[in-house]
Amino acid sequence: MPQGQPSVVPDDGLTTRQRRNRPLVFVHTGIGKGKSTAAFGLALRAWNQGWPIGVFQFVKSAKWKVGEENALRVLGASGEGGSVDWHKMGEGWSWVQRDAQVDNEEKAREGWEQVKRDLAAETYKLYVLDEFAYPMHWGWIDVDEVVRVLRDRPGTQHVVITGRNAPEKLIEFADLVTDMSKVKHPMDAGQKGQRGIEW
């Protein structure tokens, strides 16, 4: 198995093992496709390690049937890897303006409160906060509070946050940030999303 080699060794007083096992914050942002997909790929790795996983979807509709949800729920119930809990907070698609915005804002805040409770209780080893960048970008959830809570979280809990327009303060704080840029997309040529690709 290939071993990743860091380009620098920080003078932080930690042993190699302590540094290797340090909990991480990931941010997947940008206008390209694949932010949530990459986060769910990480969840598959976590499941294989036997980690309990909490997925919190913040602005995709609770009625949406996301393919990854079904797959991860089946895996979580299989008894072979880690457990998987899936929480849906939002009622509307992330970049579509709807009359229910106030309700969405309230649900996003409720979702964040639940994440804070779970972090404090060390409920999961991996948290996927899907589309969580949007509530921060829209000002529904305070970025400074998010950074503070994540910085002070106990144990070895990993957190991955997805969504366009991730706030700069979050990007500066995170350990790993990937900006998904779009080079080309079928929708640019008028093709709608398709089964097995978009959902």
Protein backbone atom coordinates (compact mmCIF):
# COMPACT_ATOMS: atom_id res chain seq x y z
CA MET A 1 0.00 0.00 0.00
CA PRO A 2 1.47 3.39 -0.94
CA GLN A 3 2.49 5.62 1.94
CA GLY A 4 1.93 9.38 1.64
CA GLN A 5 5.00 11.40 2.48
CA PRO A 6 4.59 14.94 3.84
CA SER A 7 6.65 17.65 2.17
CA VAL A 8 7.49 19.25 5.54
CA VAL A 9 7.72 18.06 9.13
CA PRO A 10 6.24 20.71 11.44
CA ASP A 11 7.89 21.61 14.71
CA ASP A 12 4.70 20.97 16.71
CA GLY A 13 6.02 18.61 19.35
CA LEU A 14 3.87 15.72 18.11
CA THR A 15 5.16 12.26 17.29
CA THR A 16 4.63 10.89 13.79
CA ARG A 17 1.84 8.65 15.12
CA GLN A 18 0.12 11.54 16.93
CA ARG A 19 0.30 13.70 13.83
CA ARG A 20 -0.97 10.86 11.64
CA ASN A 21 -4.00 10.32 13.88
CA ARG A 22 -4.90 14.00 14.24
CA PRO A 23 -8.57 14.71 13.41
CA LEU A 24 -9.02 16.61 10.15
CA VAL A 25 -11.44 19.13 8.64
CA PHE A 26 -11.98 18.81 4.87
CA VAL A 27 -13.68 21.37 2.63
CA HIS A 28 -14.88 20.48 -0.87
CA THR A 29 -15.94 23.68 -2.62
CA GLY A 30 -15.99 25.30 -6.08
CA ILE A 31 -18.44 25.36 -8.99
CA GLY A 32 -17.49 21.97 -10.42
CA LYS A 33 -19.33 18.68 -10.02
CA GLY A 34 -18.08 16.11 -7.51
CA LYS A 35 -17.96 17.82 -4.11
CA SER A 36 -20.56 15.61 -2.41
CA THR A 37 -19.45 12.59 -4.44
CA ALA A 38 -15.91 12.93 -3.07
CA ALA A 39 -17.25 13.28 0.48
CA PHE A 40 -19.33 10.11 0.10
CA GLY A 41 -16.26 8.33 -1.25
CA LEU A 42 -14.50 9.31 1.97
CA ALA A 43 -17.50 7.93 3.88
CA LEU A 44 -17.01 4.60 2.11
CA ARG A 45 -13.43 4.47 3.34
CA ALA A 46 -14.59 5.35 6.86
CA TRP A 47 -17.27 2.63 6.72
CA ASN A 48 -14.61 0.10 5.71
CA GLN A 49 -12.58 1.08 8.80
CA GLY A 50 -15.60 0.42 11.02
CA TRP A 51 -16.13 4.10 11.87
CA PRO A 52 -19.57 5.41 12.84
CA ILE A 53 -20.62 7.96 10.19
CA GLY A 54 -23.09 10.83 10.43
CA VAL A 55 -24.30 12.41 7.18
CA PHE A 56 -26.08 15.75 7.53
CA GLN A 57 -27.63 17.09 4.31
CA PHE A 58 -28.32 20.78 4.76
CA VAL A 59 -30.15 22.09 1.71
CA LYS A 60 -30.99 19.26 -0.66
CA SER A 61 -34.65 18.35 -0.48
CA ALA A 62 -35.70 15.82 2.13
CA LYS A 63 -37.77 14.27 -0.69
CA TRP A 64 -34.75 13.77 -2.95
CA LYS A 65 -33.68 10.15 -3.36
CA VAL A 66 -29.89 10.38 -3.32
CA GLY A 67 -28.19 7.22 -4.59
CA GLU A 68 -25.39 7.46 -2.04
CA GLU A 69 -27.92 7.55 0.78
CA ASN A 70 -29.42 4.19 -0.14
CA ALA A 71 -26.00 2.60 -0.65
CA LEU A 72 -24.54 3.89 2.62
CA ARG A 73 -27.67 2.96 4.59
CA VAL A 74 -27.46 -0.61 3.26
CA LEU A 75 -23.76 -0.77 4.11
CA GLY A 76 -24.35 0.71 7.55
CA ALA A 77 -27.01 -1.90 8.30
CA SER A 78 -24.91 -4.79 6.98
CA GLY A 79 -22.99 -5.23 10.22
CA GLU A 80 -19.72 -5.51 8.29
CA GLY A 81 -18.34 -1.98 8.59
CA GLY A 82 -19.26 1.17 10.46
CA SER A 83 -22.76 2.42 11.23
CA VAL A 84 -24.33 5.15 9.08
CA ASP A 85 -26.92 7.72 10.23
CA TRP A 86 -28.42 10.02 7.59
CA HIS A 87 -30.04 13.33 8.58
CA LYS A 88 -31.86 15.63 6.12
CA MET A 89 -32.20 19.25 7.19
CA GLY A 90 -33.24 21.20 4.08
CA GLU A 91 -36.39 21.40 2.01
CA GLY A 92 -35.10 23.08 -1.13
CA TRP A 93 -32.37 22.65 -3.70
CA SER A 94 -29.32 24.67 -2.82
CA TRP A 95 -29.20 27.36 -5.47
CA VAL A 96 -32.96 27.64 -6.20
CA GLN A 97 -34.82 30.48 -4.49
CA ARG A 98 -38.05 29.27 -2.91
CA ASP A 99 -40.80 30.76 -0.77
CA ALA A 100 -39.76 28.38 2.01
CA GLN A 101 -36.42 30.13 2.63
CA VAL A 102 -37.28 31.03 6.22
CA ASP A 103 -38.18 27.40 6.90
CA ASN A 104 -34.94 26.28 5.25
CA GLU A 105 -32.94 28.70 7.37
CA GLU A 106 -34.58 27.37 10.53
CA LYS A 107 -33.94 23.74 9.52
CA ALA A 108 -30.30 24.55 8.74
CA ARG A 109 -29.87 26.09 12.19
CA GLU A 110 -31.55 23.07 13.81
CA GLY A 111 -29.22 20.82 11.86
CA TRP A 112 -26.16 22.73 13.02
CA GLU A 113 -27.36 22.49 16.63
CA GLN A 114 -27.63 18.72 16.20
CA VAL A 115 -24.12 18.56 14.73
CA LYS A 116 -22.82 20.49 17.75
CA ARG A 117 -24.52 18.07 20.13
CA ASP A 118 -23.10 15.08 18.29
CA LEU A 119 -19.60 16.56 18.22
CA ALA A 120 -19.75 17.21 21.96
CA ALA A 121 -20.91 13.63 22.55
CA GLU A 122 -18.37 12.21 20.06
CA THR A 123 -21.22 10.36 18.35
CA TYR A 124 -19.42 9.81 15.04
CA LYS A 125 -15.86 9.36 13.80
CA LEU A 126 -16.71 10.96 10.42
CA TYR A 127 -19.22 13.76 9.81
CA VAL A 128 -20.29 14.58 6.26
CA LEU A 129 -21.84 18.06 6.37
CA ASP A 130 -23.21 18.04 2.84
CA GLU A 131 -23.95 21.46 1.31
CA PHE A 132 -23.10 23.09 4.65
CA ALA A 133 -21.10 25.83 2.91
CA TYR A 134 -24.37 27.37 1.67
CA PRO A 135 -25.94 28.21 5.07
CA MET A 136 -22.68 29.88 6.06
CA HIS A 137 -22.41 31.75 2.75
CA TRP A 138 -26.02 32.97 3.09
CA GLY A 139 -25.39 34.15 6.66
CA TRP A 140 -27.78 31.64 8.24
CA ILE A 141 -25.01 30.12 10.36
CA ASP A 142 -22.12 32.08 11.84
CA VAL A 143 -18.78 31.06 10.31
CA ASP A 144 -16.81 32.13 13.39
CA GLU A 145 -18.94 29.83 15.52
CA VAL A 146 -18.43 26.93 13.11
CA VAL A 147 -14.66 27.38 13.17
CA ARG A 148 -14.65 27.65 16.97
CA VAL A 149 -16.77 24.51 17.44
CA LEU A 150 -14.68 22.52 14.98
CA ARG A 151 -11.42 23.75 16.51
CA ASP A 152 -12.55 22.75 20.01
CA ARG A 153 -14.23 19.43 19.14
CA PRO A 154 -13.10 16.57 21.39
CA GLY A 155 -11.55 13.27 20.39
CA THR A 156 -10.58 12.25 16.88
CA GLN A 157 -13.64 13.28 14.88
CA HIS A 158 -13.13 14.04 11.19
CA VAL A 159 -15.45 16.53 9.45
CA VAL A 160 -15.96 17.06 5.72
CA ILE A 161 -17.95 20.09 4.52
CA THR A 162 -19.21 20.44 0.96
CA GLY A 163 -20.80 23.24 -1.07
CA ARG A 164 -20.01 26.18 -3.30
CA ASN A 165 -18.76 29.47 -1.90
CA ALA A 166 -17.11 28.11 1.23
CA PRO A 167 -16.29 31.12 3.44
CA GLU A 168 -12.67 32.23 3.51
CA LYS A 169 -12.39 31.82 7.29
CA LEU A 170 -13.42 28.18 6.95
CA ILE A 171 -10.94 27.64 4.13
CA GLU A 172 -8.14 29.15 6.20
CA PHE A 173 -9.02 26.91 9.16
CA ALA A 174 -9.49 23.61 7.31
CA ASP A 175 -6.72 21.02 6.99
CA LEU A 176 -7.59 19.96 3.44
CA VAL A 177 -9.38 22.15 0.91
CA THR A 178 -10.26 21.07 -2.62
CA ASP A 179 -11.72 23.54 -5.09
CA MET A 180 -13.66 21.64 -7.75
CA SER A 181 -13.36 23.71 -10.90
CA LYS A 182 -15.55 23.11 -13.93
CA VAL A 183 -13.83 22.66 -17.26
CA LYS A 184 -16.82 21.22 -19.10
CA HIS A 185 -20.26 19.87 -18.18
CA PRO A 186 -23.06 18.26 -20.27
CA MET A 187 -25.53 20.79 -18.86
CA ASP A 188 -23.57 23.51 -20.70
CA ALA A 189 -24.85 21.89 -23.91
CA GLY A 190 -28.44 21.74 -22.65
CA GLN A 191 -28.41 18.17 -21.32
CA LYS A 192 -30.37 17.61 -18.13
CA GLY A 193 -29.10 15.57 -15.19
CA GLN A 194 -29.41 11.82 -15.59
CA ARG A 195 -30.05 8.79 -13.45
CA GLY A 196 -26.88 7.13 -12.15
CA ILE A 197 -24.81 10.27 -12.80
CA GLU A 198 -26.48 13.11 -10.90
CA TRP A 199 -28.54 10.93 -8.54
